[in-house]
Amino acid sequence: MNETRSPKLFIGTGLVFGVGSMLCNILAFSTPYWLQVWPRVGDTSFKNLGLWQVCIAGFRNPKDLWGKVYYGCWWIFAREYDRLRQDGILLPRNLVKIYQKNMLNVIFF
């Protein structure tokens, strides 16, 4: 039962999985739908959240004393959403870490 496996098999398998993971990462990096709300469950004021874009329909920031209501799809770093980012609603710490790791992965992979 002493079988020797060809190194070409391991290299080929690693290459296929490496290219597949790179394509999946590029697809995930470019899509605007990382999180999407199912309308029958939960709060539907956030429609979807992606790496670069967020769509909101009638969200009111509970920490905002002026009571501004947010509508529409915007770039996630737009001035419109400055207050939501400062309050940690739009970009929580764990999501920022995911952004950073994904950027480094796309740059160096």
PDB file of N, CA and C in Angstrom:
ATOM      1  N   MET A   1       0.801  -1.193   0.000  1.00  0.00           N
ATOM      2  CA  MET A   1       0.000   0.000   0.000  1.00  0.00           C
ATOM      3  C   MET A   1       0.842   1.253   0.000  1.00  0.00           C
ATOM      4  N   ASN A   2       2.023   1.172  -0.429  1.00  0.00           N
ATOM      5  CA  ASN A   2       2.908   2.330  -0.479  1.00  0.00           C
ATOM      6  C   ASN A   2       2.784   2.980  -1.849  1.00  0.00           C
ATOM      7  N   GLU A   3       1.777   3.815  -1.971  1.00  0.00           N
ATOM      8  CA  GLU A   3       1.581   4.486  -3.248  1.00  0.00           C
ATOM      9  C   GLU A   3       2.243   5.858  -3.210  1.00  0.00           C
ATOM     10  N   THR A   4       2.891   6.181  -4.254  1.00  0.00           N
ATOM     11  CA  THR A   4       3.440   7.527  -4.367  1.00  0.00           C
ATOM     12  C   THR A   4       2.556   8.302  -5.320  1.00  0.00           C
ATOM     13  N   ARG A   5       2.193   9.445  -4.907  1.00  0.00           N
ATOM     14  CA  ARG A   5       1.321  10.277  -5.740  1.00  0.00           C
ATOM     15  C   ARG A   5       2.173  11.246  -6.521  1.00  0.00           C
ATOM     16  N   SER A   6       1.712  11.508  -7.682  1.00  0.00           N
ATOM     17  CA  SER A   6       2.444  12.395  -8.566  1.00  0.00           C
ATOM     18  C   SER A   6       2.394  13.834  -8.057  1.00  0.00           C
ATOM     19  N   PRO A   7       3.529  14.517  -8.012  1.00  0.00           N
ATOM     20  CA  PRO A   7       3.512  15.932  -7.613  1.00  0.00           C
ATOM     21  C   PRO A   7       2.686  16.789  -8.572  1.00  0.00           C
ATOM     22  N   LYS A   8       2.574  16.355  -9.816  1.00  0.00           N
ATOM     23  CA  LYS A   8       1.786  17.112 -10.786  1.00  0.00           C
ATOM     24  C   LYS A   8       0.310  17.150 -10.380  1.00  0.00           C
ATOM     25  N   LEU A   9      -0.166  16.046  -9.770  1.00  0.00           N
ATOM     26  CA  LEU A   9      -1.549  16.019  -9.320  1.00  0.00           C
ATOM     27  C   LEU A   9      -1.783  17.060  -8.232  1.00  0.00           C
ATOM     28  N   PHE A  10      -0.880  17.151  -7.274  1.00  0.00           N
ATOM     29  CA  PHE A  10      -1.015  18.131  -6.193  1.00  0.00           C
ATOM     30  C   PHE A  10      -0.881  19.553  -6.721  1.00  0.00           C
ATOM     31  N   ILE A  11       0.049  19.777  -7.631  1.00  0.00           N
ATOM     32  CA  ILE A  11       0.233  21.116  -8.201  1.00  0.00           C
ATOM     33  C   ILE A  11      -0.991  21.517  -9.016  1.00  0.00           C
ATOM     34  N   GLY A  12      -1.502  20.590  -9.813  1.00  0.00           N
ATOM     35  CA  GLY A  12      -2.695  20.873 -10.623  1.00  0.00           C
ATOM     36  C   GLY A  12      -3.912  21.149  -9.773  1.00  0.00           C
ATOM     37  N   THR A  13      -4.098  20.347  -8.729  1.00  0.00           N
ATOM     38  CA  THR A  13      -5.236  20.551  -7.831  1.00  0.00           C
ATOM     39  C   THR A  13      -5.119  21.895  -7.112  1.00  0.00           C
ATOM     40  N   GLY A  14      -3.934  22.207  -6.636  1.00  0.00           N
ATOM     41  CA  GLY A  14      -3.722  23.493  -5.977  1.00  0.00           C
ATOM     42  C   GLY A  14      -3.945  24.665  -6.920  1.00  0.00           C
ATOM     43  N   LEU A  15      -3.517  24.505  -8.164  1.00  0.00           N
ATOM     44  CA  LEU A  15      -3.708  25.559  -9.157  1.00  0.00           C
ATOM     45  C   LEU A  15      -5.189  25.773  -9.459  1.00  0.00           C
ATOM     46  N   VAL A  16      -5.939  24.683  -9.605  1.00  0.00           N
ATOM     47  CA  VAL A  16      -7.373  24.798  -9.884  1.00  0.00           C
ATOM     48  C   VAL A  16      -8.091  25.474  -8.714  1.00  0.00           C
ATOM     49  N   PHE A  17      -7.791  25.050  -7.485  1.00  0.00           N
ATOM     50  CA  PHE A  17      -8.427  25.679  -6.323  1.00  0.00           C
ATOM     51  C   PHE A  17      -7.979  27.131  -6.150  1.00  0.00           C
ATOM     52  N   GLY A  18      -6.741  27.434  -6.452  1.00  0.00           N
ATOM     53  CA  GLY A  18      -6.254  28.811  -6.347  1.00  0.00           C
ATOM     54  C   GLY A  18      -6.937  29.738  -7.334  1.00  0.00           C
ATOM     55  N   VAL A  19      -7.057  29.298  -8.580  1.00  0.00           N
ATOM     56  CA  VAL A  19      -7.731  30.118  -9.599  1.00  0.00           C
ATOM     57  C   VAL A  19      -9.214  30.251  -9.268  1.00  0.00           C
ATOM     58  N   GLY A  20      -9.832  29.159  -8.792  1.00  0.00           N
ATOM     59  CA  GLY A  20     -11.243  29.214  -8.416  1.00  0.00           C
ATOM     60  C   GLY A  20     -11.491  30.175  -7.266  1.00  0.00           C
ATOM     61  N   SER A  21     -10.617  30.143  -6.271  1.00  0.00           N
ATOM     62  CA  SER A  21     -10.794  31.057  -5.143  1.00  0.00           C
ATOM     63  C   SER A  21     -10.542  32.504  -5.549  1.00  0.00           C
ATOM     64  N   MET A  22      -9.608  32.731  -6.466  1.00  0.00           N
ATOM     65  CA  MET A  22      -9.358  34.088  -6.941  1.00  0.00           C
ATOM     66  C   MET A  22     -10.580  34.622  -7.698  1.00  0.00           C
ATOM     67  N   LEU A  23     -11.202  33.791  -8.532  1.00  0.00           N
ATOM     68  CA  LEU A  23     -12.394  34.219  -9.266  1.00  0.00           C
ATOM     69  C   LEU A  23     -13.562  34.500  -8.308  1.00  0.00           C
ATOM     70  N   CYS A  24     -13.722  33.662  -7.294  1.00  0.00           N
ATOM     71  CA  CYS A  24     -14.779  33.904  -6.297  1.00  0.00           C
ATOM     72  C   CYS A  24     -14.531  35.198  -5.531  1.00  0.00           C
ATOM     73  N   ASN A  25     -13.280  35.483  -5.224  1.00  0.00           N
ATOM     74  CA  ASN A  25     -12.945  36.699  -4.487  1.00  0.00           C
ATOM     75  C   ASN A  25     -13.192  37.937  -5.351  1.00  0.00           C
ATOM     76  N   ILE A  26     -12.838  37.875  -6.620  1.00  0.00           N
ATOM     77  CA  ILE A  26     -13.090  39.014  -7.516  1.00  0.00           C
ATOM     78  C   ILE A  26     -14.591  39.228  -7.679  1.00  0.00           C
ATOM     79  N   LEU A  27     -15.349  38.144  -7.777  1.00  0.00           N
ATOM     80  CA  LEU A  27     -16.799  38.261  -7.873  1.00  0.00           C
ATOM     81  C   LEU A  27     -17.387  38.883  -6.602  1.00  0.00           C
ATOM     82  N   ALA A  28     -16.924  38.438  -5.454  1.00  0.00           N
ATOM     83  CA  ALA A  28     -17.416  38.994  -4.186  1.00  0.00           C
ATOM     84  C   ALA A  28     -16.975  40.439  -4.015  1.00  0.00           C
ATOM     85  N   PHE A  29     -15.829  40.788  -4.535  1.00  0.00           N
ATOM     86  CA  PHE A  29     -15.314  42.146  -4.419  1.00  0.00           C
ATOM     87  C   PHE A  29     -16.116  43.132  -5.260  1.00  0.00           C
ATOM     88  N   SER A  30     -16.711  42.646  -6.339  1.00  0.00           N
ATOM     89  CA  SER A  30     -17.395  43.556  -7.258  1.00  0.00           C
ATOM     90  C   SER A  30     -18.914  43.582  -7.095  1.00  0.00           C
ATOM     91  N   THR A  31     -19.491  42.662  -6.371  1.00  0.00           N
ATOM     92  CA  THR A  31     -20.944  42.629  -6.271  1.00  0.00           C
ATOM     93  C   THR A  31     -21.472  43.585  -5.197  1.00  0.00           C
ATOM     94  N   PRO A  32     -22.629  44.216  -5.442  1.00  0.00           N
ATOM     95  CA  PRO A  32     -23.181  45.137  -4.443  1.00  0.00           C
ATOM     96  C   PRO A  32     -24.080  44.451  -3.424  1.00  0.00           C
ATOM     97  N   TYR A  33     -24.216  43.149  -3.445  1.00  0.00           N
ATOM     98  CA  TYR A  33     -25.161  42.457  -2.579  1.00  0.00           C
ATOM     99  C   TYR A  33     -24.460  41.500  -1.622  1.00  0.00           C
ATOM    100  N   TRP A  34     -23.780  42.023  -0.622  1.00  0.00           N
ATOM    101  CA  TRP A  34     -23.195  41.170   0.413  1.00  0.00           C
ATOM    102  C   TRP A  34     -24.265  40.773   1.407  1.00  0.00           C
ATOM    103  N   LEU A  35     -25.068  41.707   1.794  1.00  0.00           N
ATOM    104  CA  LEU A  35     -26.203  41.452   2.681  1.00  0.00           C
ATOM    105  C   LEU A  35     -27.452  41.985   2.008  1.00  0.00           C
ATOM    106  N   GLN A  36     -28.487  41.167   1.984  1.00  0.00           N
ATOM    107  CA  GLN A  36     -29.738  41.592   1.392  1.00  0.00           C
ATOM    108  C   GLN A  36     -30.871  41.184   2.323  1.00  0.00           C
ATOM    109  N   VAL A  37     -31.822  42.079   2.527  1.00  0.00           N
ATOM    110  CA  VAL A  37     -32.903  41.837   3.467  1.00  0.00           C
ATOM    111  C   VAL A  37     -33.996  41.023   2.792  1.00  0.00           C
ATOM    112  N   TRP A  38     -34.448  40.028   3.502  1.00  0.00           N
ATOM    113  CA  TRP A  38     -35.618  39.287   3.076  1.00  0.00           C
ATOM    114  C   TRP A  38     -36.826  40.039   3.599  1.00  0.00           C
ATOM    115  N   PRO A  39     -37.711  40.528   2.738  1.00  0.00           N
ATOM    116  CA  PRO A  39     -38.755  41.458   3.180  1.00  0.00           C
ATOM    117  C   PRO A  39     -39.720  40.905   4.220  1.00  0.00           C
ATOM    118  N   ARG A  40     -39.884  39.601   4.320  1.00  0.00           N
ATOM    119  CA  ARG A  40     -40.842  39.051   5.271  1.00  0.00           C
ATOM    120  C   ARG A  40     -40.270  38.923   6.674  1.00  0.00           C
ATOM    121  N   VAL A  41     -38.972  39.143   6.821  1.00  0.00           N
ATOM    122  CA  VAL A  41     -38.348  38.963   8.130  1.00  0.00           C
ATOM    123  C   VAL A  41     -37.578  40.218   8.502  1.00  0.00           C
ATOM    124  N   GLY A  42     -37.795  40.728   9.680  1.00  0.00           N
ATOM    125  CA  GLY A  42     -36.975  41.809  10.217  1.00  0.00           C
ATOM    126  C   GLY A  42     -37.270  43.175   9.642  1.00  0.00           C
ATOM    127  N   ASP A  43     -36.399  44.091   9.972  1.00  0.00           N
ATOM    128  CA  ASP A  43     -36.503  45.483   9.550  1.00  0.00           C
ATOM    129  C   ASP A  43     -36.170  45.587   8.068  1.00  0.00           C
ATOM    130  N   THR A  44     -37.026  46.218   7.302  1.00  0.00           N
ATOM    131  CA  THR A  44     -36.804  46.314   5.860  1.00  0.00           C
ATOM    132  C   THR A  44     -36.312  47.686   5.434  1.00  0.00           C
ATOM    133  N   SER A  45     -35.826  48.502   6.354  1.00  0.00           N
ATOM    134  CA  SER A  45     -35.340  49.818   5.957  1.00  0.00           C
ATOM    135  C   SER A  45     -33.995  49.720   5.228  1.00  0.00           C
ATOM    136  N   PHE A  46     -33.184  48.710   5.524  1.00  0.00           N
ATOM    137  CA  PHE A  46     -31.966  48.449   4.757  1.00  0.00           C
ATOM    138  C   PHE A  46     -32.309  47.439   3.682  1.00  0.00           C
ATOM    139  N   LYS A  47     -32.180  47.832   2.429  1.00  0.00           N
ATOM    140  CA  LYS A  47     -32.496  46.922   1.328  1.00  0.00           C
ATOM    141  C   LYS A  47     -31.334  45.977   1.040  1.00  0.00           C
ATOM    142  N   ASN A  48     -30.147  46.526   0.822  1.00  0.00           N
ATOM    143  CA  ASN A  48     -28.960  45.689   0.633  1.00  0.00           C
ATOM    144  C   ASN A  48     -27.721  46.468   1.014  1.00  0.00           C
ATOM    145  N   LEU A  49     -26.680  45.710   1.295  1.00  0.00           N
ATOM    146  CA  LEU A  49     -25.404  46.286   1.700  1.00  0.00           C
ATOM    147  C   LEU A  49     -24.310  45.524   0.991  1.00  0.00           C
ATOM    148  N   GLY A  50     -23.494  46.243   0.265  1.00  0.00           N
ATOM    149  CA  GLY A  50     -22.377  45.638  -0.437  1.00  0.00           C
ATOM    150  C   GLY A  50     -21.073  46.265  -0.032  1.00  0.00           C
ATOM    151  N   LEU A  51     -20.046  45.894  -0.730  1.00  0.00           N
ATOM    152  CA  LEU A  51     -18.729  46.434  -0.413  1.00  0.00           C
ATOM    153  C   LEU A  51     -18.639  47.910  -0.767  1.00  0.00           C
ATOM    154  N   TRP A  52     -19.334  48.325  -1.812  1.00  0.00           N
ATOM    155  CA  TRP A  52     -19.209  49.703  -2.303  1.00  0.00           C
ATOM    156  C   TRP A  52     -20.502  50.489  -2.257  1.00  0.00           C
ATOM    157  N   GLN A  53     -21.632  49.835  -2.054  1.00  0.00           N
ATOM    158  CA  GLN A  53     -22.912  50.520  -2.174  1.00  0.00           C
ATOM    159  C   GLN A  53     -23.880  50.019  -1.108  1.00  0.00           C
ATOM    160  N   VAL A  54     -24.744  50.923  -0.648  1.00  0.00           N
ATOM    161  CA  VAL A  54     -25.795  50.564   0.303  1.00  0.00           C
ATOM    162  C   VAL A  54     -27.101  51.187  -0.174  1.00  0.00           C
ATOM    163  N   CYS A  55     -28.176  50.405  -0.087  1.00  0.00           N
ATOM    164  CA  CYS A  55     -29.502  50.892  -0.464  1.00  0.00           C
ATOM    165  C   CYS A  55     -30.384  50.895   0.779  1.00  0.00           C
ATOM    166  N   ILE A  56     -30.973  52.059   1.043  1.00  0.00           N
ATOM    167  CA  ILE A  56     -31.788  52.250   2.236  1.00  0.00           C
ATOM    168  C   ILE A  56     -33.136  52.823   1.821  1.00  0.00           C
ATOM    169  N   ALA A  57     -34.197  52.359   2.479  1.00  0.00           N
ATOM    170  CA  ALA A  57     -35.542  52.865   2.192  1.00  0.00           C
ATOM    171  C   ALA A  57     -36.219  53.255   3.492  1.00  0.00           C
ATOM    172  N   GLY A  58     -36.022  54.487   3.888  1.00  0.00           N
ATOM    173  CA  GLY A  58     -36.725  55.011   5.053  1.00  0.00           C
ATOM    174  C   GLY A  58     -36.095  54.686   6.393  1.00  0.00           C
ATOM    175  N   PHE A  59     -34.780  54.668   6.475  1.00  0.00           N
ATOM    176  CA  PHE A  59     -34.118  54.408   7.750  1.00  0.00           C
ATOM    177  C   PHE A  59     -33.921  55.711   8.505  1.00  0.00           C
ATOM    178  N   ARG A  60     -34.266  55.701   9.772  1.00  0.00           N
ATOM    179  CA  ARG A  60     -34.045  56.854  10.645  1.00  0.00           C
ATOM    180  C   ARG A  60     -33.022  56.454  11.696  1.00  0.00           C
ATOM    181  N   ASN A  61     -31.942  57.210  11.773  1.00  0.00           N
ATOM    182  CA  ASN A  61     -30.882  56.949  12.732  1.00  0.00           C
ATOM    183  C   ASN A  61     -31.384  57.286  14.137  1.00  0.00           C
ATOM    184  N   PRO A  62     -31.419  56.313  15.047  1.00  0.00           N
ATOM    185  CA  PRO A  62     -31.924  56.602  16.390  1.00  0.00           C
ATOM    186  C   PRO A  62     -31.006  57.532  17.188  1.00  0.00           C
ATOM    187  N   LYS A  63     -29.749  57.662  16.784  1.00  0.00           N
ATOM    188  CA  LYS A  63     -28.821  58.546  17.499  1.00  0.00           C
ATOM    189  C   LYS A  63     -28.840  59.975  16.954  1.00  0.00           C
ATOM    190  N   ASP A  64     -29.522  60.183  15.846  1.00  0.00           N
ATOM    191  CA  ASP A  64     -29.590  61.502  15.223  1.00  0.00           C
ATOM    192  C   ASP A  64     -30.770  62.274  15.812  1.00  0.00           C
ATOM    193  N   LEU A  65     -30.469  63.404  16.457  1.00  0.00           N
ATOM    194  CA  LEU A  65     -31.527  64.180  17.104  1.00  0.00           C
ATOM    195  C   LEU A  65     -32.409  64.935  16.110  1.00  0.00           C
ATOM    196  N   TRP A  66     -31.900  65.152  14.895  1.00  0.00           N
ATOM    197  CA  TRP A  66     -32.682  65.872  13.893  1.00  0.00           C
ATOM    198  C   TRP A  66     -33.705  64.971  13.213  1.00  0.00           C
ATOM    199  N   GLY A  67     -33.525  63.678  13.313  1.00  0.00           N
ATOM    200  CA  GLY A  67     -34.500  62.740  12.753  1.00  0.00           C
ATOM    201  C   GLY A  67     -34.452  62.621  11.247  1.00  0.00           C
ATOM    202  N   LYS A  68     -33.279  62.733  10.674  1.00  0.00           N
ATOM    203  CA  LYS A  68     -33.161  62.613   9.223  1.00  0.00           C
ATOM    204  C   LYS A  68     -33.497  61.193   8.780  1.00  0.00           C
ATOM    205  N   VAL A  69     -34.259  61.086   7.703  1.00  0.00           N
ATOM    206  CA  VAL A  69     -34.644  59.794   7.146  1.00  0.00           C
ATOM    207  C   VAL A  69     -33.867  59.601   5.853  1.00  0.00           C
ATOM    208  N   TYR A  70     -33.271  58.422   5.695  1.00  0.00           N
ATOM    209  CA  TYR A  70     -32.413  58.121   4.548  1.00  0.00           C
ATOM    210  C   TYR A  70     -33.150  57.266   3.523  1.00  0.00           C
ATOM    211  N   TYR A  71     -32.992  57.642   2.239  1.00  0.00           N
ATOM    212  CA  TYR A  71     -33.586  56.909   1.132  1.00  0.00           C
ATOM    213  C   TYR A  71     -32.561  56.784   0.005  1.00  0.00           C
ATOM    214  N   GLY A  72     -32.675  55.720  -0.775  1.00  0.00           N
ATOM    215  CA  GLY A  72     -31.910  55.585  -2.005  1.00  0.00           C
ATOM    216  C   GLY A  72     -30.659  54.742  -1.866  1.00  0.00           C
ATOM    217  N   CYS A  73     -30.026  54.522  -3.020  1.00  0.00           N
ATOM    218  CA  CYS A  73     -28.777  53.770  -3.101  1.00  0.00           C
ATOM    219  C   CYS A  73     -27.626  54.752  -3.287  1.00  0.00           C
ATOM    220  N   TRP A  74     -26.634  54.645  -2.433  1.00  0.00           N
ATOM    221  CA  TRP A  74     -25.498  55.549  -2.458  1.00  0.00           C
ATOM    222  C   TRP A  74     -24.212  54.762  -2.298  1.00  0.00           C
ATOM    223  N   TRP A  75     -23.129  55.396  -2.713  1.00  0.00           N
ATOM    224  CA  TRP A  75     -21.806  54.865  -2.434  1.00  0.00           C
ATOM    225  C   TRP A  75     -21.633  54.841  -0.929  1.00  0.00           C
ATOM    226  N   ILE A  76     -21.008  53.819  -0.404  1.00  0.00           N
ATOM    227  CA  ILE A  76     -20.956  53.628   1.044  1.00  0.00           C
ATOM    228  C   ILE A  76     -20.150  54.722   1.752  1.00  0.00           C
ATOM    229  N   PHE A  77     -19.250  55.402   1.034  1.00  0.00           N
ATOM    230  CA  PHE A  77     -18.458  56.475   1.631  1.00  0.00           C
ATOM    231  C   PHE A  77     -18.945  57.864   1.208  1.00  0.00           C
ATOM    232  N   ALA A  78     -20.185  57.969   0.748  1.00  0.00           N
ATOM    233  CA  ALA A  78     -20.741  59.261   0.334  1.00  0.00           C
ATOM    234  C   ALA A  78     -20.978  60.148   1.555  1.00  0.00           C
ATOM    235  N   ARG A  79     -20.976  61.452   1.330  1.00  0.00           N
ATOM    236  CA  ARG A  79     -21.204  62.401   2.426  1.00  0.00           C
ATOM    237  C   ARG A  79     -22.588  62.237   3.031  1.00  0.00           C
ATOM    238  N   GLU A  80     -23.507  61.741   2.240  1.00  0.00           N
ATOM    239  CA  GLU A  80     -24.871  61.521   2.726  1.00  0.00           C
ATOM    240  C   GLU A  80     -24.895  60.598   3.949  1.00  0.00           C
ATOM    241  N   TYR A  81     -23.967  59.663   3.994  1.00  0.00           N
ATOM    242  CA  TYR A  81     -23.951  58.666   5.059  1.00  0.00           C
ATOM    243  C   TYR A  81     -22.871  58.905   6.102  1.00  0.00           C
ATOM    244  N   ASP A  82     -22.314  60.107   6.170  1.00  0.00           N
ATOM    245  CA  ASP A  82     -21.268  60.400   7.162  1.00  0.00           C
ATOM    246  C   ASP A  82     -21.741  60.118   8.584  1.00  0.00           C
ATOM    247  N   ARG A  83     -22.923  60.567   8.914  1.00  0.00           N
ATOM    248  CA  ARG A  83     -23.432  60.396  10.278  1.00  0.00           C
ATOM    249  C   ARG A  83     -23.653  58.918  10.612  1.00  0.00           C
ATOM    250  N   LEU A  84     -24.132  58.145   9.641  1.00  0.00           N
ATOM    251  CA  LEU A  84     -24.347  56.715   9.875  1.00  0.00           C
ATOM    252  C   LEU A  84     -23.025  55.976  10.088  1.00  0.00           C
ATOM    253  N   ARG A  85     -21.996  56.401   9.377  1.00  0.00           N
ATOM    254  CA  ARG A  85     -20.673  55.775   9.569  1.00  0.00           C
ATOM    255  C   ARG A  85     -20.083  56.160  10.916  1.00  0.00           C
ATOM    256  N   GLN A  86     -20.236  57.419  11.314  1.00  0.00           N
ATOM    257  CA  GLN A  86     -19.696  57.880  12.601  1.00  0.00           C
ATOM    258  C   GLN A  86     -20.362  57.163  13.772  1.00  0.00           C
ATOM    259  N   ASP A  87     -21.638  56.877  13.649  1.00  0.00           N
ATOM    260  CA  ASP A  87     -22.367  56.195  14.720  1.00  0.00           C
ATOM    261  C   ASP A  87     -22.154  54.687  14.708  1.00  0.00           C
ATOM    262  N   GLY A  88     -21.454  54.177  13.709  1.00  0.00           N
ATOM    263  CA  GLY A  88     -21.177  52.746  13.643  1.00  0.00           C
ATOM    264  C   GLY A  88     -22.340  51.900  13.168  1.00  0.00           C
ATOM    265  N   ILE A  89     -23.318  52.519  12.559  1.00  0.00           N
ATOM    266  CA  ILE A  89     -24.475  51.771  12.063  1.00  0.00           C
ATOM    267  C   ILE A  89     -24.176  51.192  10.691  1.00  0.00           C
ATOM    268  N   LEU A  90     -23.598  51.995   9.835  1.00  0.00           N
ATOM    269  CA  LEU A  90     -23.355  51.566   8.464  1.00  0.00           C
ATOM    270  C   LEU A  90     -22.111  50.698   8.333  1.00  0.00           C
ATOM    271  N   LEU A  91     -21.052  51.058   9.037  1.00  0.00           N
ATOM    272  CA  LEU A  91     -19.802  50.300   8.967  1.00  0.00           C
ATOM    273  C   LEU A  91     -19.351  49.891  10.361  1.00  0.00           C
ATOM    274  N   PRO A  92     -19.858  48.772  10.859  1.00  0.00           N
ATOM    275  CA  PRO A  92     -19.354  48.295  12.144  1.00  0.00           C
ATOM    276  C   PRO A  92     -17.904  47.826  12.017  1.00  0.00           C
ATOM    277  N   ARG A  93     -17.237  47.693  13.121  1.00  0.00           N
ATOM    278  CA  ARG A  93     -15.805  47.347  13.121  1.00  0.00           C
ATOM    279  C   ARG A  93     -15.519  46.034  12.390  1.00  0.00           C
ATOM    280  N   ASN A  94     -16.367  45.033  12.579  1.00  0.00           N
ATOM    281  CA  ASN A  94     -16.098  43.763  11.918  1.00  0.00           C
ATOM    282  C   ASN A  94     -16.215  43.872  10.402  1.00  0.00           C
ATOM    283  N   LEU A  95     -17.116  44.710   9.911  1.00  0.00           N
ATOM    284  CA  LEU A  95     -17.240  44.893   8.465  1.00  0.00           C
ATOM    285  C   LEU A  95     -16.047  45.659   7.900  1.00  0.00           C
ATOM    286  N   VAL A  96     -15.523  46.617   8.660  1.00  0.00           N
ATOM    287  CA  VAL A  96     -14.326  47.347   8.230  1.00  0.00           C
ATOM    288  C   VAL A  96     -13.137  46.392   8.132  1.00  0.00           C
ATOM    289  N   LYS A  97     -13.019  45.481   9.077  1.00  0.00           N
ATOM    290  CA  LYS A  97     -11.935  44.491   9.017  1.00  0.00           C
ATOM    291  C   LYS A  97     -12.088  43.573   7.812  1.00  0.00           C
ATOM    292  N   ILE A  98     -13.319  43.213   7.480  1.00  0.00           N
ATOM    293  CA  ILE A  98     -13.548  42.395   6.284  1.00  0.00           C
ATOM    294  C   ILE A  98     -13.150  43.170   5.037  1.00  0.00           C
ATOM    295  N   TYR A  99     -13.486  44.463   4.969  1.00  0.00           N
ATOM    296  CA  TYR A  99     -13.071  45.298   3.838  1.00  0.00           C
ATOM    297  C   TYR A  99     -11.552  45.310   3.697  1.00  0.00           C
ATOM    298  N   GLN A 100     -10.871  45.525   4.810  1.00  0.00           N
ATOM    299  CA  GLN A 100      -9.410  45.611   4.765  1.00  0.00           C
ATOM    300  C   GLN A 100      -8.790  44.293   4.317  1.00  0.00           C
ATOM    301  N   LYS A 101      -9.255  43.198   4.860  1.00  0.00           N
ATOM    302  CA  LYS A 101      -8.707  41.899   4.470  1.00  0.00           C
ATOM    303  C   LYS A 101      -8.997  41.578   3.013  1.00  0.00           C
ATOM    304  N   ASN A 102     -10.178  41.938   2.553  1.00  0.00           N
ATOM    305  CA  ASN A 102     -10.521  41.683   1.162  1.00  0.00           C
ATOM    306  C   ASN A 102      -9.673  42.535   0.220  1.00  0.00           C
ATOM    307  N   MET A 103      -9.443  43.786   0.563  1.00  0.00           N
ATOM    308  CA  MET A 103      -8.584  44.641  -0.269  1.00  0.00           C
ATOM    309  C   MET A 103      -7.164  44.080  -0.335  1.00  0.00           C
ATOM    310  N   LEU A 104      -6.609  43.683   0.799  1.00  0.00           N
ATOM    311  CA  LEU A 104      -5.257  43.118   0.805  1.00  0.00           C
ATOM    312  C   LEU A 104      -5.209  41.809   0.024  1.00  0.00           C
ATOM    313  N   ASN A 105      -6.256  41.017   0.119  1.00  0.00           N
ATOM    314  CA  ASN A 105      -6.304  39.766  -0.606  1.00  0.00           C
ATOM    315  C   ASN A 105      -6.337  39.996  -2.113  1.00  0.00           C
ATOM    316  N   VAL A 106      -7.138  40.963  -2.563  1.00  0.00           N
ATOM    317  CA  VAL A 106      -7.210  41.245  -3.996  1.00  0.00           C
ATOM    318  C   VAL A 106      -5.899  41.842  -4.498  1.00  0.00           C
ATOM    319  N   ILE A 107      -5.264  42.685  -3.700  1.00  0.00           N
ATOM    320  CA  ILE A 107      -4.014  43.323  -4.133  1.00  0.00           C
ATOM    321  C   ILE A 107      -2.878  42.321  -4.181  1.00  0.00           C
ATOM    322  N   PHE A 108      -2.732  41.491  -3.163  1.00  0.00           N
ATOM    323  CA  PHE A 108      -1.555  40.639  -3.060  1.00  0.00           C
ATOM    324  C   PHE A 108      -1.758  39.210  -3.530  1.00  0.00           C
ATOM    325  N   PHE A 109      -2.979  38.850  -3.912  1.00  0.00           N
ATOM    326  CA  PHE A 109      -3.203  37.475  -4.333  1.00  0.00           C
ATOM    327  C   PHE A 109      -3.126  37.390  -5.797  1.00  0.00           C
TER     328      PHE A 109
END
